[in-house]
Amino acid sequence: MSELFAPRGSKKDIEESVVLAPKFDQNGLIPVVTTDYATGEVLMMAFMNAETLKMTIELGEAVYWSRSRKEIWHKGKTSGNVQVVREMRTDCDQDAIWLRVTVLGLSATCHVGYRSCFYRSIPTAQAAKDGVVLKFEETEKAYDPEKVYGKK
């Protein structure tokens, strides 16, 4: 593990001390929730490994681990929509990370072109009685992904 990270000690050490001792899962990953610094809007959920967590701390920009591509993913490196970390937190048992970011460029986060990866809502309770049909909460894309990433 990185010299930035302390070994996981006692429950009291993990929950009450000032040392960073992240708990990575069996795949070496830790979940990360990313929100907009100004609005609090949830932009995305991703994962980091020890290397990308260290890079994020050192760069001050969000760097994730892409599970699908199995590679480091410096958010915005291709699209220009870089996530500048304004605040980074860990939860009580240090097994999750919360990033509060300012997005540069078009202020979009999702690779599909929307501002947030959470651009659709799921009906619940009474609204779900007629079936689950997703509702688009964002209808305008911030950019055309084919122009940025090419055809997939």
N, C-alpha and C. Protein backbone atom coordinates (compact mmCIF):
# COMPACT_ATOMS: atom_id res chain seq x y z
N MET A 1 0.84 -1.18 0.00
CA MET A 1 0.00 0.00 0.00
C MET A 1 0.88 1.24 0.00
N SER A 2 0.30 2.36 -0.35
CA SER A 2 1.02 3.62 -0.45
C SER A 2 1.45 4.14 0.92
N GLU A 3 2.53 4.94 0.93
CA GLU A 3 2.96 5.58 2.17
C GLU A 3 1.94 6.61 2.66
N LEU A 4 1.00 6.99 1.80
CA LEU A 4 -0.08 7.89 2.22
C LEU A 4 -1.08 7.20 3.12
N PHE A 5 -1.15 5.87 3.02
CA PHE A 5 -2.16 5.11 3.74
C PHE A 5 -1.53 4.38 4.92
N ALA A 6 -2.21 4.48 6.04
CA ALA A 6 -1.77 3.77 7.24
C ALA A 6 -2.34 2.35 7.22
N PRO A 7 -1.69 1.44 7.93
CA PRO A 7 -2.29 0.12 8.06
C PRO A 7 -3.60 0.23 8.83
N ARG A 8 -4.51 -0.67 8.55
CA ARG A 8 -5.78 -0.65 9.27
C ARG A 8 -5.55 -1.16 10.68
N GLY A 9 -5.85 -0.31 11.63
CA GLY A 9 -5.65 -0.65 13.03
C GLY A 9 -6.94 -1.07 13.68
N SER A 10 -7.08 -0.70 14.92
CA SER A 10 -8.28 -1.03 15.69
C SER A 10 -9.47 -0.23 15.16
N LYS A 11 -10.64 -0.66 15.57
CA LYS A 11 -11.87 0.05 15.20
C LYS A 11 -11.77 1.51 15.62
N LYS A 12 -11.26 1.76 16.83
CA LYS A 12 -11.11 3.13 17.32
C LYS A 12 -10.14 3.92 16.44
N ASP A 13 -9.03 3.28 16.04
CA ASP A 13 -8.07 3.95 15.17
C ASP A 13 -8.71 4.35 13.84
N ILE A 14 -9.48 3.43 13.28
CA ILE A 14 -10.10 3.67 11.97
C ILE A 14 -11.18 4.74 12.07
N GLU A 15 -12.00 4.68 13.12
CA GLU A 15 -13.15 5.58 13.23
C GLU A 15 -12.86 6.91 13.90
N GLU A 16 -11.83 6.98 14.74
CA GLU A 16 -11.65 8.18 15.55
C GLU A 16 -10.30 8.88 15.38
N SER A 17 -9.40 8.33 14.57
CA SER A 17 -8.08 8.95 14.45
C SER A 17 -8.00 9.82 13.19
N VAL A 18 -6.86 10.42 12.97
CA VAL A 18 -6.66 11.30 11.82
C VAL A 18 -5.86 10.62 10.71
N VAL A 19 -5.66 9.31 10.81
CA VAL A 19 -4.89 8.61 9.77
C VAL A 19 -5.83 8.05 8.69
N LEU A 20 -5.35 8.10 7.46
CA LEU A 20 -6.10 7.54 6.34
C LEU A 20 -5.70 6.07 6.20
N ALA A 21 -6.67 5.18 6.44
CA ALA A 21 -6.45 3.74 6.35
C ALA A 21 -7.61 3.12 5.56
N PRO A 22 -7.65 3.38 4.25
CA PRO A 22 -8.80 2.91 3.46
C PRO A 22 -8.92 1.40 3.43
N LYS A 23 -10.18 0.95 3.39
CA LYS A 23 -10.45 -0.49 3.29
C LYS A 23 -10.89 -0.79 1.86
N PHE A 24 -10.02 -1.42 1.12
CA PHE A 24 -10.31 -1.82 -0.24
C PHE A 24 -10.97 -3.20 -0.21
N ASP A 25 -11.86 -3.48 -1.17
CA ASP A 25 -12.55 -4.77 -1.19
C ASP A 25 -11.62 -5.88 -1.69
N GLN A 26 -12.17 -7.07 -1.88
CA GLN A 26 -11.39 -8.22 -2.31
C GLN A 26 -10.76 -8.03 -3.68
N ASN A 27 -11.27 -7.08 -4.47
CA ASN A 27 -10.69 -6.77 -5.78
C ASN A 27 -9.73 -5.59 -5.71
N GLY A 28 -9.48 -5.09 -4.50
CA GLY A 28 -8.58 -3.96 -4.34
C GLY A 28 -9.22 -2.63 -4.66
N LEU A 29 -10.55 -2.55 -4.57
CA LEU A 29 -11.28 -1.34 -4.95
C LEU A 29 -12.03 -0.75 -3.77
N ILE A 30 -12.28 0.56 -3.87
CA ILE A 30 -13.10 1.27 -2.89
C ILE A 30 -14.12 2.10 -3.68
N PRO A 31 -15.41 2.08 -3.28
CA PRO A 31 -16.42 2.86 -4.01
C PRO A 31 -16.27 4.36 -3.74
N VAL A 32 -16.58 5.14 -4.78
CA VAL A 32 -16.47 6.59 -4.71
C VAL A 32 -17.76 7.21 -5.24
N VAL A 33 -18.37 8.06 -4.42
CA VAL A 33 -19.52 8.85 -4.85
C VAL A 33 -19.00 10.26 -5.13
N THR A 34 -19.35 10.79 -6.30
CA THR A 34 -18.86 12.11 -6.71
C THR A 34 -20.04 13.05 -6.87
N THR A 35 -19.97 14.20 -6.20
CA THR A 35 -21.03 15.19 -6.27
C THR A 35 -20.47 16.53 -6.72
N ASP A 36 -21.35 17.38 -7.23
CA ASP A 36 -20.99 18.73 -7.62
C ASP A 36 -20.75 19.56 -6.36
N TYR A 37 -19.63 20.25 -6.29
CA TYR A 37 -19.27 21.02 -5.10
C TYR A 37 -20.29 22.11 -4.80
N ALA A 38 -20.75 22.81 -5.83
CA ALA A 38 -21.65 23.95 -5.62
C ALA A 38 -23.09 23.54 -5.33
N THR A 39 -23.58 22.51 -6.03
CA THR A 39 -25.01 22.17 -5.93
C THR A 39 -25.31 20.95 -5.07
N GLY A 40 -24.32 20.09 -4.88
CA GLY A 40 -24.55 18.84 -4.16
C GLY A 40 -25.13 17.74 -5.03
N GLU A 41 -25.40 18.03 -6.30
CA GLU A 41 -25.96 17.04 -7.22
C GLU A 41 -25.02 15.84 -7.34
N VAL A 42 -25.58 14.63 -7.28
CA VAL A 42 -24.77 13.43 -7.48
C VAL A 42 -24.43 13.34 -8.96
N LEU A 43 -23.14 13.27 -9.26
CA LEU A 43 -22.69 13.21 -10.64
C LEU A 43 -22.40 11.79 -11.10
N MET A 44 -21.80 11.01 -10.23
CA MET A 44 -21.43 9.65 -10.63
C MET A 44 -21.04 8.82 -9.42
N MET A 45 -20.93 7.53 -9.65
CA MET A 45 -20.40 6.58 -8.68
C MET A 45 -19.40 5.73 -9.44
N ALA A 46 -18.21 5.57 -8.87
CA ALA A 46 -17.16 4.80 -9.54
C ALA A 46 -16.32 4.12 -8.46
N PHE A 47 -15.15 3.62 -8.87
CA PHE A 47 -14.26 2.94 -7.94
C PHE A 47 -12.84 3.49 -8.10
N MET A 48 -12.07 3.37 -7.04
CA MET A 48 -10.65 3.66 -7.06
C MET A 48 -9.92 2.46 -6.50
N ASN A 49 -8.67 2.29 -6.94
CA ASN A 49 -7.78 1.35 -6.27
C ASN A 49 -6.75 2.19 -5.51
N ALA A 50 -5.79 1.55 -4.87
CA ALA A 50 -4.82 2.31 -4.08
C ALA A 50 -4.06 3.31 -4.94
N GLU A 51 -3.70 2.91 -6.15
CA GLU A 51 -2.93 3.79 -7.03
C GLU A 51 -3.73 5.02 -7.44
N THR A 52 -5.01 4.82 -7.83
CA THR A 52 -5.79 5.96 -8.29
C THR A 52 -6.24 6.86 -7.13
N LEU A 53 -6.42 6.28 -5.95
CA LEU A 53 -6.71 7.11 -4.77
C LEU A 53 -5.51 8.00 -4.47
N LYS A 54 -4.33 7.43 -4.52
CA LYS A 54 -3.10 8.20 -4.30
C LYS A 54 -2.97 9.29 -5.37
N MET A 55 -3.21 8.95 -6.63
CA MET A 55 -3.11 9.93 -7.72
C MET A 55 -4.10 11.07 -7.52
N THR A 56 -5.32 10.74 -7.10
CA THR A 56 -6.34 11.77 -6.86
C THR A 56 -5.89 12.72 -5.76
N ILE A 57 -5.35 12.18 -4.69
CA ILE A 57 -4.86 13.02 -3.59
C ILE A 57 -3.73 13.92 -4.08
N GLU A 58 -2.79 13.36 -4.82
CA GLU A 58 -1.62 14.11 -5.27
C GLU A 58 -1.93 15.12 -6.36
N LEU A 59 -2.82 14.78 -7.31
CA LEU A 59 -3.15 15.68 -8.43
C LEU A 59 -4.21 16.71 -8.09
N GLY A 60 -5.13 16.36 -7.16
CA GLY A 60 -6.26 17.23 -6.91
C GLY A 60 -7.30 17.16 -8.01
N GLU A 61 -7.23 16.09 -8.81
CA GLU A 61 -8.20 15.81 -9.87
C GLU A 61 -8.64 14.36 -9.71
N ALA A 62 -9.88 14.07 -10.07
CA ALA A 62 -10.42 12.73 -9.90
C ALA A 62 -9.79 11.75 -10.87
N VAL A 63 -9.27 10.66 -10.31
CA VAL A 63 -8.71 9.57 -11.09
C VAL A 63 -9.33 8.29 -10.54
N TYR A 64 -9.97 7.54 -11.40
CA TYR A 64 -10.69 6.33 -11.00
C TYR A 64 -10.03 5.10 -11.61
N TRP A 65 -10.54 3.93 -11.22
CA TRP A 65 -10.17 2.68 -11.85
C TRP A 65 -11.36 2.21 -12.65
N SER A 66 -11.18 2.04 -13.96
CA SER A 66 -12.25 1.54 -14.82
C SER A 66 -12.31 0.02 -14.71
N ARG A 67 -13.40 -0.47 -14.13
CA ARG A 67 -13.56 -1.92 -14.00
C ARG A 67 -13.78 -2.56 -15.36
N SER A 68 -14.49 -1.88 -16.27
CA SER A 68 -14.77 -2.47 -17.57
C SER A 68 -13.53 -2.50 -18.47
N ARG A 69 -12.74 -1.44 -18.43
CA ARG A 69 -11.53 -1.38 -19.27
C ARG A 69 -10.29 -1.91 -18.55
N LYS A 70 -10.41 -2.07 -17.22
CA LYS A 70 -9.28 -2.53 -16.40
C LYS A 70 -8.06 -1.63 -16.57
N GLU A 71 -8.31 -0.32 -16.42
CA GLU A 71 -7.22 0.66 -16.56
C GLU A 71 -7.51 1.92 -15.77
N ILE A 72 -6.47 2.70 -15.54
CA ILE A 72 -6.61 3.99 -14.87
C ILE A 72 -7.44 4.90 -15.75
N TRP A 73 -8.34 5.66 -15.10
CA TRP A 73 -9.29 6.52 -15.80
C TRP A 73 -9.20 7.91 -15.18
N HIS A 74 -8.38 8.77 -15.77
CA HIS A 74 -8.26 10.16 -15.31
C HIS A 74 -9.45 10.91 -15.91
N LYS A 75 -10.45 11.15 -15.09
CA LYS A 75 -11.73 11.68 -15.56
C LYS A 75 -11.52 13.01 -16.28
N GLY A 76 -12.01 13.09 -17.51
CA GLY A 76 -11.94 14.31 -18.30
C GLY A 76 -10.70 14.44 -19.16
N LYS A 77 -9.78 13.49 -19.07
CA LYS A 77 -8.54 13.55 -19.85
C LYS A 77 -8.85 13.59 -21.35
N THR A 78 -9.84 12.83 -21.80
CA THR A 78 -10.22 12.80 -23.21
C THR A 78 -11.26 13.88 -23.53
N SER A 79 -12.28 14.01 -22.69
CA SER A 79 -13.40 14.91 -22.97
C SER A 79 -13.13 16.37 -22.61
N GLY A 80 -12.17 16.61 -21.72
CA GLY A 80 -11.93 17.97 -21.24
C GLY A 80 -12.75 18.32 -20.01
N ASN A 81 -13.65 17.42 -19.61
CA ASN A 81 -14.52 17.65 -18.46
C ASN A 81 -13.86 17.12 -17.19
N VAL A 82 -12.72 17.70 -16.86
CA VAL A 82 -11.91 17.28 -15.72
C VAL A 82 -12.65 17.59 -14.42
N GLN A 83 -12.55 16.69 -13.47
CA GLN A 83 -13.15 16.90 -12.15
C GLN A 83 -12.07 17.37 -11.18
N VAL A 84 -12.13 18.66 -10.83
CA VAL A 84 -11.19 19.22 -9.86
C VAL A 84 -11.75 18.96 -8.47
N VAL A 85 -10.97 18.29 -7.64
CA VAL A 85 -11.43 17.92 -6.30
C VAL A 85 -11.36 19.14 -5.39
N ARG A 86 -12.50 19.51 -4.88
CA ARG A 86 -12.58 20.63 -3.93
C ARG A 86 -12.58 20.14 -2.49
N GLU A 87 -13.12 18.93 -2.30
CA GLU A 87 -13.13 18.31 -0.98
C GLU A 87 -13.22 16.80 -1.16
N MET A 88 -12.51 16.08 -0.31
CA MET A 88 -12.53 14.62 -0.35
C MET A 88 -12.76 14.12 1.07
N ARG A 89 -13.71 13.21 1.22
CA ARG A 89 -14.01 12.66 2.54
C ARG A 89 -14.02 11.15 2.48
N THR A 90 -13.85 10.54 3.65
CA THR A 90 -14.05 9.10 3.79
C THR A 90 -15.11 8.89 4.84
N ASP A 91 -15.79 7.76 4.77
CA ASP A 91 -16.84 7.48 5.76
C ASP A 91 -16.23 6.93 7.04
N CYS A 92 -17.08 6.63 7.99
CA CYS A 92 -16.65 6.25 9.35
C CYS A 92 -15.70 5.07 9.38
N ASP A 93 -15.95 4.04 8.58
CA ASP A 93 -15.06 2.89 8.62
C ASP A 93 -14.08 2.86 7.44
N GLN A 94 -14.01 3.97 6.74
CA GLN A 94 -13.04 4.20 5.66
C GLN A 94 -13.12 3.16 4.54
N ASP A 95 -14.38 2.76 4.21
CA ASP A 95 -14.53 1.84 3.09
C ASP A 95 -15.31 2.46 1.93
N ALA A 96 -15.43 3.79 1.95
CA ALA A 96 -16.05 4.53 0.85
C ALA A 96 -15.46 5.94 0.83
N ILE A 97 -15.46 6.53 -0.35
CA ILE A 97 -14.91 7.88 -0.55
C ILE A 97 -16.01 8.76 -1.13
N TRP A 98 -16.04 10.02 -0.71
CA TRP A 98 -16.95 11.02 -1.27
C TRP A 98 -16.09 12.15 -1.81
N LEU A 99 -16.24 12.41 -3.11
CA LEU A 99 -15.56 13.53 -3.74
C LEU A 99 -16.56 14.64 -4.01
N ARG A 100 -16.20 15.85 -3.66
CA ARG A 100 -16.96 17.03 -4.04
C ARG A 100 -16.10 17.76 -5.05
N VAL A 101 -16.61 17.90 -6.28
CA VAL A 101 -15.79 18.38 -7.38
C VAL A 101 -16.42 19.56 -8.11
N THR A 102 -15.56 20.29 -8.81
CA THR A 102 -15.97 21.26 -9.81
C THR A 102 -15.57 20.67 -11.15
N VAL A 103 -16.51 20.57 -12.06
CA VAL A 103 -16.24 19.98 -13.36
C VAL A 103 -15.88 21.09 -14.34
N LEU A 104 -14.72 20.96 -14.97
CA LEU A 104 -14.29 21.93 -15.98
C LEU A 104 -14.89 21.56 -17.33
N GLY A 105 -14.60 22.35 -18.33
CA GLY A 105 -15.09 22.05 -19.68
C GLY A 105 -16.57 22.35 -19.77
N LEU A 106 -17.32 21.40 -20.27
CA LEU A 106 -18.77 21.57 -20.46
C LEU A 106 -19.56 21.27 -19.20
N SER A 107 -18.86 21.00 -18.13
CA SER A 107 -19.47 20.69 -16.83
C SER A 107 -20.32 19.43 -16.90
N ALA A 108 -19.94 18.52 -17.80
CA ALA A 108 -20.65 17.24 -17.93
C ALA A 108 -19.78 16.14 -17.36
N THR A 109 -20.42 15.12 -16.82
CA THR A 109 -19.69 14.01 -16.22
C THR A 109 -19.89 12.70 -16.96
N CYS A 110 -21.09 12.45 -17.43
CA CYS A 110 -21.43 11.14 -17.98
C CYS A 110 -20.86 10.94 -19.39
N HIS A 111 -20.33 9.76 -19.66
CA HIS A 111 -19.79 9.44 -20.98
C HIS A 111 -20.88 9.37 -22.05
N VAL A 112 -22.15 9.34 -21.61
CA VAL A 112 -23.27 9.34 -22.55
C VAL A 112 -23.58 10.76 -23.01
N GLY A 113 -22.99 11.77 -22.33
CA GLY A 113 -23.16 13.15 -22.73
C GLY A 113 -23.95 14.00 -21.76
N TYR A 114 -24.54 13.39 -20.76
CA TYR A 114 -25.34 14.14 -19.78
C TYR A 114 -24.46 14.72 -18.68
N ARG A 115 -25.00 15.70 -17.97
CA ARG A 115 -24.26 16.33 -16.88
C ARG A 115 -23.96 15.30 -15.78
N SER A 116 -24.95 14.50 -15.41
CA SER A 116 -24.81 13.50 -14.35
C SER A 116 -25.03 12.11 -14.93
N CYS A 117 -24.38 11.13 -14.36
CA CYS A 117 -24.64 9.74 -14.76
C CYS A 117 -26.02 9.28 -14.29
N PHE A 118 -26.60 10.01 -13.34
CA PHE A 118 -27.92 9.68 -12.81
C PHE A 118 -28.98 10.54 -13.48
N TYR A 119 -29.13 10.38 -14.78
CA TYR A 119 -30.04 11.21 -15.57
C TYR A 119 -31.45 10.63 -15.71
N ARG A 120 -31.68 9.43 -15.15
CA ARG A 120 -33.01 8.82 -15.20
C ARG A 120 -33.47 8.46 -13.79
N SER A 121 -34.79 8.63 -13.57
CA SER A 121 -35.34 8.26 -12.27
C SER A 121 -36.16 6.98 -12.41
N ILE A 122 -36.30 6.29 -11.28
CA ILE A 122 -37.04 5.02 -11.21
C ILE A 122 -38.29 5.26 -10.37
N PRO A 123 -39.47 4.94 -10.90
CA PRO A 123 -40.68 5.15 -10.11
C PRO A 123 -40.73 4.19 -8.92
N THR A 124 -41.33 4.65 -7.85
CA THR A 124 -41.50 3.82 -6.66
C THR A 124 -42.94 3.93 -6.17
N ALA A 125 -43.28 3.07 -5.25
CA ALA A 125 -44.58 3.07 -4.59
C ALA A 125 -45.72 3.12 -5.61
N GLN A 126 -46.64 4.06 -5.47
CA GLN A 126 -47.83 4.14 -6.33
C GLN A 126 -47.45 4.29 -7.79
N ALA A 127 -46.43 5.09 -8.07
CA ALA A 127 -46.03 5.32 -9.46
C ALA A 127 -45.52 4.04 -10.13
N ALA A 128 -45.03 3.08 -9.35
CA ALA A 128 -44.50 1.84 -9.91
C ALA A 128 -45.56 0.76 -10.11
N LYS A 129 -46.77 1.01 -9.65
CA LYS A 129 -47.83 0.00 -9.78
C LYS A 129 -48.16 -0.32 -11.24
N ASP A 130 -47.96 0.64 -12.12
CA ASP A 130 -48.22 0.42 -13.54
C ASP A 130 -46.99 -0.14 -14.26
N GLY A 131 -45.95 -0.44 -13.52
CA GLY A 131 -44.72 -0.97 -14.11
C GLY A 131 -43.58 0.02 -13.94
N VAL A 132 -42.40 -0.50 -14.06
CA VAL A 132 -41.21 0.34 -13.90
C VAL A 132 -40.76 0.83 -15.26
N VAL A 133 -40.96 2.11 -15.50
CA VAL A 133 -40.52 2.77 -16.72
C VAL A 133 -39.65 3.94 -16.29
N LEU A 134 -38.40 3.92 -16.71
CA LEU A 134 -37.49 5.00 -16.33
C LEU A 134 -37.93 6.32 -16.94
N LYS A 135 -37.72 7.40 -16.19
CA LYS A 135 -38.07 8.74 -16.66
C LYS A 135 -36.78 9.54 -16.81
N PHE A 136 -36.60 10.16 -17.97
CA PHE A 136 -35.44 11.00 -18.19
C PHE A 136 -35.60 12.31 -17.44
N GLU A 137 -34.72 12.56 -16.48
CA GLU A 137 -34.73 13.81 -15.72
C GLU A 137 -33.87 14.86 -16.40
N GLU A 138 -32.90 14.42 -17.18
CA GLU A 138 -32.11 15.31 -18.03
C GLU A 138 -32.47 14.95 -19.46
N THR A 139 -32.82 15.94 -20.25
CA THR A 139 -33.22 15.67 -21.63
C THR A 139 -32.24 16.24 -22.64
N GLU A 140 -31.39 17.14 -22.21
CA GLU A 140 -30.40 17.76 -23.09
C GLU A 140 -29.02 17.24 -22.75
N LYS A 141 -28.32 16.74 -23.74
CA LYS A 141 -26.94 16.32 -23.52
C LYS A 141 -26.03 17.55 -23.58
N ALA A 142 -24.98 17.53 -22.77
CA ALA A 142 -24.02 18.62 -22.74
C ALA A 142 -23.05 18.54 -23.92
N TYR A 143 -22.85 17.33 -24.44
CA TYR A 143 -21.96 17.14 -25.58
C TYR A 143 -22.32 15.87 -26.31
N ASP A 144 -21.82 15.74 -27.53
CA ASP A 144 -22.05 14.54 -28.34
C ASP A 144 -20.90 13.57 -28.12
N PRO A 145 -21.16 12.45 -27.45
CA PRO A 145 -20.08 11.51 -27.15
C PRO A 145 -19.36 10.96 -28.38
N GLU A 146 -20.06 10.81 -29.49
CA GLU A 146 -19.41 10.29 -30.71
C GLU A 146 -18.33 11.25 -31.20
N LYS A 147 -18.58 12.57 -31.05
CA LYS A 147 -17.58 13.56 -31.47
C LYS A 147 -16.37 13.55 -30.54
N VAL A 148 -16.61 13.26 -29.28
CA VAL A 148 -15.53 13.28 -28.30
C VAL A 148 -14.75 11.97 -28.28
N TYR A 149 -15.46 10.85 -28.25
CA TYR A 149 -14.82 9.55 -28.09
C TYR A 149 -14.76 8.73 -29.36
N GLY A 150 -15.49 9.16 -30.40
CA GLY A 150 -15.59 8.36 -31.62
C GLY A 150 -16.66 7.31 -31.46
N LYS A 151 -16.96 6.62 -32.54
CA LYS A 151 -17.99 5.57 -32.49
C LYS A 151 -17.46 4.37 -31.74
N LYS A 152 -18.33 3.76 -30.96
CA LYS A 152 -17.94 2.57 -30.18
C LYS A 152 -18.56 1.34 -30.79
